[in-house]
Every structure is written in C-alpha cells, then in structure tokens.
mmCIF file of all heavy atoms, coordinates in Angstrom:
data_MODEL
# 
_entry.id   MODEL 
# 
loop_
_atom_site.group_PDB 
_atom_site.id 
_atom_site.type_symbol 
_atom_site.label_atom_id 
_atom_site.label_alt_id 
_atom_site.label_comp_id 
_atom_site.label_asym_id 
_atom_site.label_entity_id 
_atom_site.label_seq_id 
_atom_site.pdbx_PDB_ins_code 
_atom_site.Cartn_x 
_atom_site.Cartn_y 
_atom_site.Cartn_z 
_atom_site.occupancy 
_atom_site.B_iso_or_equiv 
_atom_site.pdbx_formal_charge 
_atom_site.auth_seq_id 
_atom_site.auth_comp_id 
_atom_site.auth_asym_id 
_atom_site.auth_atom_id 
_atom_site.pdbx_PDB_model_num 
ATOM 1   N N   . LEU A 1 1  ? 28.901 7.188  73.232 1.00 0.00 ? 1  LEU A N   1 
ATOM 2   C CA  . LEU A 1 1  ? 30.100 7.983  73.125 1.00 0.00 ? 1  LEU A CA  1 
ATOM 3   C C   . LEU A 1 1  ? 31.130 7.789  74.111 1.00 0.00 ? 1  LEU A C   1 
ATOM 4   O O   . LEU A 1 1  ? 32.399 7.659  73.830 1.00 0.00 ? 1  LEU A O   1 
ATOM 5   C CB  . LEU A 1 1  ? 29.673 9.401  73.071 1.00 0.00 ? 1  LEU A CB  1 
ATOM 6   C CG  . LEU A 1 1  ? 30.702 10.448 72.735 1.00 0.00 ? 1  LEU A CG  1 
ATOM 7   C CD1 . LEU A 1 1  ? 31.279 10.303 71.277 1.00 0.00 ? 1  LEU A CD1 1 
ATOM 8   C CD2 . LEU A 1 1  ? 30.213 11.815 72.925 1.00 0.00 ? 1  LEU A CD2 1 
ATOM 9   N N   . VAL A 1 2  ? 30.751 7.611  75.352 1.00 0.00 ? 2  VAL A N   1 
ATOM 10  C CA  . VAL A 1 2  ? 31.782 7.400  76.439 1.00 0.00 ? 2  VAL A CA  1 
ATOM 11  C C   . VAL A 1 2  ? 32.375 6.016  76.125 1.00 0.00 ? 2  VAL A C   1 
ATOM 12  O O   . VAL A 1 2  ? 33.606 5.889  76.454 1.00 0.00 ? 2  VAL A O   1 
ATOM 13  C CB  . VAL A 1 2  ? 31.078 7.393  77.820 1.00 0.00 ? 2  VAL A CB  1 
ATOM 14  C CG1 . VAL A 1 2  ? 32.002 6.782  78.884 1.00 0.00 ? 2  VAL A CG1 1 
ATOM 15  C CG2 . VAL A 1 2  ? 30.637 8.847  78.202 1.00 0.00 ? 2  VAL A CG2 1 
ATOM 16  N N   . THR A 1 3  ? 31.601 4.980  75.784 1.00 0.00 ? 3  THR A N   1 
ATOM 17  C CA  . THR A 1 3  ? 32.205 3.656  75.491 1.00 0.00 ? 3  THR A CA  1 
ATOM 18  C C   . THR A 1 3  ? 33.314 3.753  74.364 1.00 0.00 ? 3  THR A C   1 
ATOM 19  O O   . THR A 1 3  ? 34.403 3.191  74.526 1.00 0.00 ? 3  THR A O   1 
ATOM 20  C CB  . THR A 1 3  ? 31.140 2.655  75.106 1.00 0.00 ? 3  THR A CB  1 
ATOM 21  O OG1 . THR A 1 3  ? 30.199 2.646  76.235 1.00 0.00 ? 3  THR A OG1 1 
ATOM 22  C CG2 . THR A 1 3  ? 31.736 1.229  74.851 1.00 0.00 ? 3  THR A CG2 1 
ATOM 23  N N   . SER A 1 4  ? 32.987 4.469  73.371 1.00 0.00 ? 4  SER A N   1 
ATOM 24  C CA  . SER A 1 4  ? 33.921 4.667  72.260 1.00 0.00 ? 4  SER A CA  1 
ATOM 25  C C   . SER A 1 4  ? 35.155 5.430  72.708 1.00 0.00 ? 4  SER A C   1 
ATOM 26  O O   . SER A 1 4  ? 36.331 5.138  72.392 1.00 0.00 ? 4  SER A O   1 
ATOM 27  C CB  . SER A 1 4  ? 33.280 5.402  71.064 1.00 0.00 ? 4  SER A CB  1 
ATOM 28  O OG  . SER A 1 4  ? 32.145 4.611  70.617 1.00 0.00 ? 4  SER A OG  1 
ATOM 29  N N   . LEU A 1 5  ? 34.951 6.500  73.522 1.00 0.00 ? 5  LEU A N   1 
ATOM 30  C CA  . LEU A 1 5  ? 35.997 7.315  74.010 1.00 0.00 ? 5  LEU A CA  1 
ATOM 31  C C   . LEU A 1 5  ? 36.984 6.438  74.864 1.00 0.00 ? 5  LEU A C   1 
ATOM 32  O O   . LEU A 1 5  ? 38.181 6.634  74.814 1.00 0.00 ? 5  LEU A O   1 
ATOM 33  C CB  . LEU A 1 5  ? 35.460 8.492  74.819 1.00 0.00 ? 5  LEU A CB  1 
ATOM 34  C CG  . LEU A 1 5  ? 36.546 9.373  75.445 1.00 0.00 ? 5  LEU A CG  1 
ATOM 35  C CD1 . LEU A 1 5  ? 37.458 10.085 74.350 1.00 0.00 ? 5  LEU A CD1 1 
ATOM 36  C CD2 . LEU A 1 5  ? 35.869 10.457 76.287 1.00 0.00 ? 5  LEU A CD2 1 
ATOM 37  N N   . VAL A 1 6  ? 36.459 5.580  75.688 1.00 0.00 ? 6  VAL A N   1 
ATOM 38  C CA  . VAL A 1 6  ? 37.238 4.728  76.506 1.00 0.00 ? 6  VAL A CA  1 
ATOM 39  C C   . VAL A 1 6  ? 38.273 3.846  75.674 1.00 0.00 ? 6  VAL A C   1 
ATOM 40  O O   . VAL A 1 6  ? 39.449 3.736  75.904 1.00 0.00 ? 6  VAL A O   1 
ATOM 41  C CB  . VAL A 1 6  ? 36.432 3.860  77.398 1.00 0.00 ? 6  VAL A CB  1 
ATOM 42  C CG1 . VAL A 1 6  ? 37.121 2.711  78.099 1.00 0.00 ? 6  VAL A CG1 1 
ATOM 43  C CG2 . VAL A 1 6  ? 35.683 4.740  78.491 1.00 0.00 ? 6  VAL A CG2 1 
ATOM 44  N N   . ALA A 1 7  ? 37.566 3.262  74.600 1.00 0.00 ? 7  ALA A N   1 
ATOM 45  C CA  . ALA A 1 7  ? 38.445 2.478  73.705 1.00 0.00 ? 7  ALA A CA  1 
ATOM 46  C C   . ALA A 1 7  ? 39.584 3.193  73.029 1.00 0.00 ? 7  ALA A C   1 
ATOM 47  O O   . ALA A 1 7  ? 40.742 2.823  72.949 1.00 0.00 ? 7  ALA A O   1 
ATOM 48  C CB  . ALA A 1 7  ? 37.510 1.740  72.672 1.00 0.00 ? 7  ALA A CB  1 
ATOM 49  N N   . GLU A 1 8  ? 39.137 4.337  72.474 1.00 0.00 ? 8  GLU A N   1 
ATOM 50  C CA  . GLU A 1 8  ? 40.126 5.237  71.806 1.00 0.00 ? 8  GLU A CA  1 
ATOM 51  C C   . GLU A 1 8  ? 41.245 5.747  72.804 1.00 0.00 ? 8  GLU A C   1 
ATOM 52  O O   . GLU A 1 8  ? 42.427 5.775  72.468 1.00 0.00 ? 8  GLU A O   1 
ATOM 53  C CB  . GLU A 1 8  ? 39.397 6.376  71.085 1.00 0.00 ? 8  GLU A CB  1 
ATOM 54  C CG  . GLU A 1 8  ? 38.545 6.043  69.894 1.00 0.00 ? 8  GLU A CG  1 
ATOM 55  C CD  . GLU A 1 8  ? 39.361 5.682  68.684 1.00 0.00 ? 8  GLU A CD  1 
ATOM 56  O OE1 . GLU A 1 8  ? 40.482 6.009  68.572 1.00 0.00 ? 8  GLU A OE1 1 
ATOM 57  O OE2 . GLU A 1 8  ? 38.704 5.078  67.833 1.00 0.00 ? 8  GLU A OE2 1 
ATOM 58  N N   . GLY A 1 9  ? 40.781 6.151  74.001 1.00 0.00 ? 9  GLY A N   1 
ATOM 59  C CA  . GLY A 1 9  ? 41.777 6.703  74.989 1.00 0.00 ? 9  GLY A CA  1 
ATOM 60  C C   . GLY A 1 9  ? 42.698 5.664  75.452 1.00 0.00 ? 9  GLY A C   1 
ATOM 61  O O   . GLY A 1 9  ? 43.838 5.915  75.474 1.00 0.00 ? 9  GLY A O   1 
ATOM 62  N N   . VAL A 1 10 ? 42.303 4.438  75.647 1.00 0.00 ? 10 VAL A N   1 
ATOM 63  C CA  . VAL A 1 10 ? 43.131 3.377  76.050 1.00 0.00 ? 10 VAL A CA  1 
ATOM 64  C C   . VAL A 1 10 ? 44.141 3.046  74.977 1.00 0.00 ? 10 VAL A C   1 
ATOM 65  O O   . VAL A 1 10 ? 45.354 2.854  75.266 1.00 0.00 ? 10 VAL A O   1 
ATOM 66  C CB  . VAL A 1 10 ? 42.366 2.092  76.411 1.00 0.00 ? 10 VAL A CB  1 
ATOM 67  C CG1 . VAL A 1 10 ? 43.252 0.856  76.678 1.00 0.00 ? 10 VAL A CG1 1 
ATOM 68  C CG2 . VAL A 1 10 ? 41.569 2.387  77.710 1.00 0.00 ? 10 VAL A CG2 1 
ATOM 69  N N   . ALA A 1 11 ? 43.693 3.049  73.688 1.00 0.00 ? 11 ALA A N   1 
ATOM 70  C CA  . ALA A 1 11 ? 44.566 2.703  72.550 1.00 0.00 ? 11 ALA A CA  1 
ATOM 71  C C   . ALA A 1 11 ? 45.641 3.840  72.457 1.00 0.00 ? 11 ALA A C   1 
ATOM 72  O O   . ALA A 1 11 ? 46.807 3.478  72.184 1.00 0.00 ? 11 ALA A O   1 
ATOM 73  C CB  . ALA A 1 11 ? 43.727 2.647  71.338 1.00 0.00 ? 11 ALA A CB  1 
ATOM 74  N N   . LEU A 1 12 ? 45.322 5.064  72.537 1.00 0.00 ? 12 LEU A N   1 
ATOM 75  C CA  . LEU A 1 12 ? 46.240 6.142  72.453 1.00 0.00 ? 12 LEU A CA  1 
ATOM 76  C C   . LEU A 1 12 ? 47.271 6.103  73.566 1.00 0.00 ? 12 LEU A C   1 
ATOM 77  O O   . LEU A 1 12 ? 48.465 6.224  73.455 1.00 0.00 ? 12 LEU A O   1 
ATOM 78  C CB  . LEU A 1 12 ? 45.541 7.491  72.445 1.00 0.00 ? 12 LEU A CB  1 
ATOM 79  C CG  . LEU A 1 12 ? 46.445 8.743  72.503 1.00 0.00 ? 12 LEU A CG  1 
ATOM 80  C CD1 . LEU A 1 12 ? 47.242 8.855  71.203 1.00 0.00 ? 12 LEU A CD1 1 
ATOM 81  C CD2 . LEU A 1 12 ? 45.612 10.021 72.711 1.00 0.00 ? 12 LEU A CD2 1 
ATOM 82  N N   . TYR A 1 13 ? 46.824 5.828  74.811 1.00 0.00 ? 13 TYR A N   1 
ATOM 83  C CA  . TYR A 1 13 ? 47.693 5.638  75.973 1.00 0.00 ? 13 TYR A CA  1 
ATOM 84  C C   . TYR A 1 13 ? 48.684 4.545  75.782 1.00 0.00 ? 13 TYR A C   1 
ATOM 85  O O   . TYR A 1 13 ? 49.917 4.672  76.089 1.00 0.00 ? 13 TYR A O   1 
ATOM 86  C CB  . TYR A 1 13 ? 46.848 5.472  77.269 1.00 0.00 ? 13 TYR A CB  1 
ATOM 87  C CG  . TYR A 1 13 ? 47.560 5.338  78.463 1.00 0.00 ? 13 TYR A CG  1 
ATOM 88  C CD1 . TYR A 1 13 ? 48.273 6.359  79.071 1.00 0.00 ? 13 TYR A CD1 1 
ATOM 89  C CD2 . TYR A 1 13 ? 47.652 4.051  79.170 1.00 0.00 ? 13 TYR A CD2 1 
ATOM 90  C CE1 . TYR A 1 13 ? 48.990 6.133  80.202 1.00 0.00 ? 13 TYR A CE1 1 
ATOM 91  C CE2 . TYR A 1 13 ? 48.306 3.907  80.378 1.00 0.00 ? 13 TYR A CE2 1 
ATOM 92  C CZ  . TYR A 1 13 ? 48.976 4.913  80.828 1.00 0.00 ? 13 TYR A CZ  1 
ATOM 93  O OH  . TYR A 1 13 ? 49.701 4.833  82.077 1.00 0.00 ? 13 TYR A OH  1 
ATOM 94  N N   . GLN A 1 14 ? 48.232 3.444  75.276 1.00 0.00 ? 14 GLN A N   1 
ATOM 95  C CA  . GLN A 1 14 ? 49.127 2.260  75.058 1.00 0.00 ? 14 GLN A CA  1 
ATOM 96  C C   . GLN A 1 14 ? 50.103 2.644  73.952 1.00 0.00 ? 14 GLN A C   1 
ATOM 97  O O   . GLN A 1 14 ? 51.256 2.222  74.053 1.00 0.00 ? 14 GLN A O   1 
ATOM 98  C CB  . GLN A 1 14 ? 48.256 1.033  74.714 1.00 0.00 ? 14 GLN A CB  1 
ATOM 99  C CG  . GLN A 1 14 ? 47.438 0.508  75.864 1.00 0.00 ? 14 GLN A CG  1 
ATOM 100 C CD  . GLN A 1 14 ? 46.580 -0.511 75.473 1.00 0.00 ? 14 GLN A CD  1 
ATOM 101 O OE1 . GLN A 1 14 ? 46.333 -0.906 74.216 1.00 0.00 ? 14 GLN A OE1 1 
ATOM 102 N NE2 . GLN A 1 14 ? 46.018 -1.336 76.529 1.00 0.00 ? 14 GLN A NE2 1 
ATOM 103 N N   . GLN A 1 15 ? 49.726 3.291  72.951 1.00 0.00 ? 15 GLN A N   1 
ATOM 104 C CA  . GLN A 1 15 ? 50.717 3.708  71.810 1.00 0.00 ? 15 GLN A CA  1 
ATOM 105 C C   . GLN A 1 15 ? 51.774 4.606  72.307 1.00 0.00 ? 15 GLN A C   1 
ATOM 106 O O   . GLN A 1 15 ? 52.955 4.495  71.929 1.00 0.00 ? 15 GLN A O   1 
ATOM 107 C CB  . GLN A 1 15 ? 49.924 4.349  70.675 1.00 0.00 ? 15 GLN A CB  1 
ATOM 108 C CG  . GLN A 1 15 ? 48.990 3.359  69.931 1.00 0.00 ? 15 GLN A CG  1 
ATOM 109 C CD  . GLN A 1 15 ? 48.198 4.056  68.780 1.00 0.00 ? 15 GLN A CD  1 
ATOM 110 O OE1 . GLN A 1 15 ? 48.007 5.236  68.890 1.00 0.00 ? 15 GLN A OE1 1 
ATOM 111 N NE2 . GLN A 1 15 ? 47.831 3.356  67.756 1.00 0.00 ? 15 GLN A NE2 1 
ATOM 112 N N   . ILE A 1 16 ? 51.404 5.520  73.196 1.00 0.00 ? 16 ILE A N   1 
ATOM 113 C CA  . ILE A 1 16 ? 52.495 6.453  73.799 1.00 0.00 ? 16 ILE A CA  1 
ATOM 114 C C   . ILE A 1 16 ? 53.371 5.627  74.720 1.00 0.00 ? 16 ILE A C   1 
ATOM 115 O O   . ILE A 1 16 ? 54.618 5.904  74.707 1.00 0.00 ? 16 ILE A O   1 
ATOM 116 C CB  . ILE A 1 16 ? 51.763 7.586  74.544 1.00 0.00 ? 16 ILE A CB  1 
ATOM 117 C CG1 . ILE A 1 16 ? 50.976 8.574  73.581 1.00 0.00 ? 16 ILE A CG1 1 
ATOM 118 C CG2 . ILE A 1 16 ? 52.751 8.453  75.346 1.00 0.00 ? 16 ILE A CG2 1 
ATOM 119 C CD1 . ILE A 1 16 ? 50.233 9.599  74.157 1.00 0.00 ? 16 ILE A CD1 1 
ATOM 120 N N   . GLN A 1 17 ? 52.808 4.783  75.529 1.00 0.00 ? 17 GLN A N   1 
ATOM 121 C CA  . GLN A 1 17 ? 53.674 3.926  76.389 1.00 0.00 ? 17 GLN A CA  1 
ATOM 122 C C   . GLN A 1 17 ? 54.690 3.028  75.636 1.00 0.00 ? 17 GLN A C   1 
ATOM 123 O O   . GLN A 1 17 ? 55.840 2.856  76.096 1.00 0.00 ? 17 GLN A O   1 
ATOM 124 C CB  . GLN A 1 17 ? 52.771 3.106  77.317 1.00 0.00 ? 17 GLN A CB  1 
ATOM 125 C CG  . GLN A 1 17 ? 52.047 3.923  78.342 1.00 0.00 ? 17 GLN A CG  1 
ATOM 126 C CD  . GLN A 1 17 ? 52.805 4.621  79.368 1.00 0.00 ? 17 GLN A CD  1 
ATOM 127 O OE1 . GLN A 1 17 ? 53.256 5.860  79.193 1.00 0.00 ? 17 GLN A OE1 1 
ATOM 128 N NE2 . GLN A 1 17 ? 53.214 3.840  80.445 1.00 0.00 ? 17 GLN A NE2 1 
ATOM 129 N N   . SER A 1 18 ? 54.148 2.532  74.518 1.00 0.00 ? 18 SER A N   1 
ATOM 130 C CA  . SER A 1 18 ? 55.045 1.567  73.787 1.00 0.00 ? 18 SER A CA  1 
ATOM 131 C C   . SER A 1 18 ? 56.016 2.348  72.838 1.00 0.00 ? 18 SER A C   1 
ATOM 132 O O   . SER A 1 18 ? 56.919 1.731  72.217 1.00 0.00 ? 18 SER A O   1 
ATOM 133 C CB  . SER A 1 18 ? 54.131 0.643  72.853 1.00 0.00 ? 18 SER A CB  1 
ATOM 134 O OG  . SER A 1 18 ? 53.370 1.385  71.928 1.00 0.00 ? 18 SER A OG  1 
ATOM 135 N N   . GLY A 1 19 ? 55.758 3.678  72.692 1.00 0.00 ? 19 GLY A N   1 
ATOM 136 C CA  . GLY A 1 19 ? 56.654 4.419  71.763 1.00 0.00 ? 19 GLY A CA  1 
ATOM 137 C C   . GLY A 1 19 ? 56.316 4.419  70.313 1.00 0.00 ? 19 GLY A C   1 
ATOM 138 O O   . GLY A 1 19 ? 57.048 5.074  69.511 1.00 0.00 ? 19 GLY A O   1 
ATOM 139 N N   . GLU A 1 20 ? 55.111 3.963  69.979 1.00 0.00 ? 20 GLU A N   1 
ATOM 140 C CA  . GLU A 1 20 ? 54.581 4.112  68.612 1.00 0.00 ? 20 GLU A CA  1 
ATOM 141 C C   . GLU A 1 20 ? 54.394 5.515  68.253 1.00 0.00 ? 20 GLU A C   1 
ATOM 142 O O   . GLU A 1 20 ? 54.526 5.876  67.051 1.00 0.00 ? 20 GLU A O   1 
ATOM 143 C CB  . GLU A 1 20 ? 53.294 3.267  68.466 1.00 0.00 ? 20 GLU A CB  1 
ATOM 144 C CG  . GLU A 1 20 ? 53.533 1.789  68.566 1.00 0.00 ? 20 GLU A CG  1 
ATOM 145 C CD  . GLU A 1 20 ? 52.214 1.033  68.433 1.00 0.00 ? 20 GLU A CD  1 
ATOM 146 O OE1 . GLU A 1 20 ? 51.485 1.459  67.459 1.00 0.00 ? 20 GLU A OE1 1 
ATOM 147 O OE2 . GLU A 1 20 ? 51.967 0.057  69.093 1.00 0.00 ? 20 GLU A OE2 1 
ATOM 148 N N   . ILE A 1 21 ? 53.900 6.328  69.263 1.00 0.00 ? 21 ILE A N   1 
ATOM 149 C CA  . ILE A 1 21 ? 53.638 7.719  68.980 1.00 0.00 ? 21 ILE A CA  1 
ATOM 150 C C   . ILE A 1 21 ? 54.662 8.606  69.745 1.00 0.00 ? 21 ILE A C   1 
ATOM 151 O O   . ILE A 1 21 ? 54.931 8.408  70.968 1.00 0.00 ? 21 ILE A O   1 
ATOM 152 C CB  . ILE A 1 21 ? 52.243 8.123  69.448 1.00 0.00 ? 21 ILE A CB  1 
ATOM 153 C CG1 . ILE A 1 21 ? 51.220 7.473  68.645 1.00 0.00 ? 21 ILE A CG1 1 
ATOM 154 C CG2 . ILE A 1 21 ? 52.043 9.655  69.365 1.00 0.00 ? 21 ILE A CG2 1 
ATOM 155 C CD1 . ILE A 1 21 ? 49.753 7.768  69.095 1.00 0.00 ? 21 ILE A CD1 1 
ATOM 156 N N   . ARG A 1 22 ? 55.459 9.367  68.959 1.00 0.00 ? 22 ARG A N   1 
ATOM 157 C CA  . ARG A 1 22 ? 56.513 10.129 69.529 1.00 0.00 ? 22 ARG A CA  1 
ATOM 158 C C   . ARG A 1 22 ? 56.294 11.652 69.222 1.00 0.00 ? 22 ARG A C   1 
ATOM 159 O O   . ARG A 1 22 ? 56.644 12.118 68.112 1.00 0.00 ? 22 ARG A O   1 
ATOM 160 C CB  . ARG A 1 22 ? 57.939 9.732  68.987 1.00 0.00 ? 22 ARG A CB  1 
ATOM 161 C CG  . ARG A 1 22 ? 58.339 8.275  69.288 1.00 0.00 ? 22 ARG A CG  1 
ATOM 162 C CD  . ARG A 1 22 ? 59.647 7.935  68.747 1.00 0.00 ? 22 ARG A CD  1 
ATOM 163 N NE  . ARG A 1 22 ? 59.988 6.542  69.132 1.00 0.00 ? 22 ARG A NE  1 
ATOM 164 C CZ  . ARG A 1 22 ? 59.775 5.502  68.247 1.00 0.00 ? 22 ARG A CZ  1 
ATOM 165 N NH1 . ARG A 1 22 ? 59.048 5.743  67.194 1.00 0.00 ? 22 ARG A NH1 1 
ATOM 166 N NH2 . ARG A 1 22 ? 60.124 4.371  68.650 1.00 0.00 ? 22 ARG A NH2 1 
ATOM 167 N N   . PRO A 1 23 ? 55.680 12.358 70.153 1.00 0.00 ? 23 PRO A N   1 
ATOM 168 C CA  . PRO A 1 23 ? 55.349 13.767 69.840 1.00 0.00 ? 23 PRO A CA  1 
ATOM 169 C C   . PRO A 1 23 ? 56.600 14.614 69.422 1.00 0.00 ? 23 PRO A C   1 
ATOM 170 O O   . PRO A 1 23 ? 56.570 15.488 68.682 1.00 0.00 ? 23 PRO A O   1 
ATOM 171 C CB  . PRO A 1 23 ? 54.745 14.196 71.148 1.00 0.00 ? 23 PRO A CB  1 
ATOM 172 C CG  . PRO A 1 23 ? 54.254 12.972 71.806 1.00 0.00 ? 23 PRO A CG  1 
ATOM 173 C CD  . PRO A 1 23 ? 55.239 11.963 71.466 1.00 0.00 ? 23 PRO A CD  1 
ATOM 174 N N   . GLY A 1 24 ? 57.768 14.315 70.059 1.00 0.00 ? 24 GLY A N   1 
ATOM 175 C CA  . GLY A 1 24 ? 58.939 15.088 69.751 1.00 0.00 ? 24 GLY A CA  1 
ATOM 176 C C   . GLY A 1 24 ? 59.355 15.036 68.355 1.00 0.00 ? 24 GLY A C   1 
ATOM 177 O O   . GLY A 1 24 ? 59.798 16.084 67.741 1.00 0.00 ? 24 GLY A O   1 
ATOM 178 N N   . GLU A 1 25 ? 59.140 13.887 67.673 1.00 0.00 ? 25 GLU A N   1 
ATOM 179 C CA  . GLU A 1 25 ? 59.449 13.703 66.270 1.00 0.00 ? 25 GLU A CA  1 
ATOM 180 C C   . GLU A 1 25 ? 58.626 14.525 65.430 1.00 0.00 ? 25 GLU A C   1 
ATOM 181 O O   . GLU A 1 25 ? 58.981 15.193 64.394 1.00 0.00 ? 25 GLU A O   1 
ATOM 182 C CB  . GLU A 1 25 ? 59.435 12.215 65.919 1.00 0.00 ? 25 GLU A CB  1 
ATOM 183 C CG  . GLU A 1 25 ? 60.501 11.393 66.574 1.00 0.00 ? 25 GLU A CG  1 
ATOM 184 C CD  . GLU A 1 25 ? 60.466 9.957  66.017 1.00 0.00 ? 25 GLU A CD  1 
ATOM 185 O OE1 . GLU A 1 25 ? 59.622 9.688  65.178 1.00 0.00 ? 25 GLU A OE1 1 
ATOM 186 O OE2 . GLU A 1 25 ? 61.174 9.119  66.515 1.00 0.00 ? 25 GLU A OE2 1 
ATOM 187 N N   . TYR A 1 26 ? 57.275 14.670 65.859 1.00 0.00 ? 26 TYR A N   1 
ATOM 188 C CA  . TYR A 1 26 ? 56.329 15.463 65.029 1.00 0.00 ? 26 TYR A CA  1 
ATOM 189 C C   . TYR A 1 26 ? 56.767 16.956 65.102 1.00 0.00 ? 26 TYR A C   1 
ATOM 190 O O   . TYR A 1 26 ? 56.755 17.672 64.063 1.00 0.00 ? 26 TYR A O   1 
ATOM 191 C CB  . TYR A 1 26 ? 54.941 15.281 65.574 1.00 0.00 ? 26 TYR A CB  1 
ATOM 192 C CG  . TYR A 1 26 ? 54.402 13.941 65.580 1.00 0.00 ? 26 TYR A CG  1 
ATOM 193 C CD1 . TYR A 1 26 ? 53.481 13.480 66.568 1.00 0.00 ? 26 TYR A CD1 1 
ATOM 194 C CD2 . TYR A 1 26 ? 54.875 12.903 64.645 1.00 0.00 ? 26 TYR A CD2 1 
ATOM 195 C CE1 . TYR A 1 26 ? 53.071 12.075 66.553 1.00 0.00 ? 26 TYR A CE1 1 
ATOM 196 C CE2 . TYR A 1 26 ? 54.476 11.682 64.635 1.00 0.00 ? 26 TYR A CE2 1 
ATOM 197 C CZ  . TYR A 1 26 ? 53.536 11.308 65.557 1.00 0.00 ? 26 TYR A CZ  1 
ATOM 198 O OH  . TYR A 1 26 ? 53.060 9.951  65.579 1.00 0.00 ? 26 TYR A OH  1 
ATOM 199 N N   . ILE A 1 27 ? 57.184 17.409 66.214 1.00 0.00 ? 27 ILE A N   1 
ATOM 200 C CA  . ILE A 1 27 ? 57.610 18.806 66.355 1.00 0.00 ? 27 ILE A CA  1 
ATOM 201 C C   . ILE A 1 27 ? 58.789 19.029 65.611 1.00 0.00 ? 27 ILE A C   1 
ATOM 202 O O   . ILE A 1 27 ? 59.074 20.198 65.028 1.00 0.00 ? 27 ILE A O   1 
ATOM 203 C CB  . ILE A 1 27 ? 57.793 19.143 67.903 1.00 0.00 ? 27 ILE A CB  1 
ATOM 204 C CG1 . ILE A 1 27 ? 56.408 19.001 68.627 1.00 0.00 ? 27 ILE A CG1 1 
ATOM 205 C CG2 . ILE A 1 27 ? 58.296 20.555 68.068 1.00 0.00 ? 27 ILE A CG2 1 
ATOM 206 C CD1 . ILE A 1 27 ? 56.478 19.234 70.110 1.00 0.00 ? 27 ILE A CD1 1 
ATOM 207 N N   . ASP A 1 28 ? 59.809 18.162 65.587 1.00 0.00 ? 28 ASP A N   1 
ATOM 208 C CA  . ASP A 1 28 ? 61.034 18.301 64.875 1.00 0.00 ? 28 ASP A CA  1 
ATOM 209 C C   . ASP A 1 28 ? 60.737 18.295 63.397 1.00 0.00 ? 28 ASP A C   1 
ATOM 210 O O   . ASP A 1 28 ? 61.386 19.188 62.696 1.00 0.00 ? 28 ASP A O   1 
ATOM 211 C CB  . ASP A 1 28 ? 62.051 17.141 65.175 1.00 0.00 ? 28 ASP A CB  1 
ATOM 212 C CG  . ASP A 1 28 ? 62.581 17.153 66.561 1.00 0.00 ? 28 ASP A CG  1 
ATOM 213 O OD1 . ASP A 1 28 ? 62.531 18.291 67.180 1.00 0.00 ? 28 ASP A OD1 1 
ATOM 214 O OD2 . ASP A 1 28 ? 62.886 16.071 67.089 1.00 0.00 ? 28 ASP A OD2 1 
# 
C-alpha cells in the first residue's frame, strides 16, 4: 500500500506543479 501511495502521491504533486490540476477552477 505504501508503494502504491508513493506513486499516486508523486503523480498528484507533479500534476499540481504543472498546472494540470487547478483547484480554484473546481470551486468556481
């Protein structure tokens, strides 16, 4: 589970850094 979490967490972090995920747009 920790191994899978590391992979998913890194992917989410990279998507936020690159701008693929924009939380502000979701709230709008």
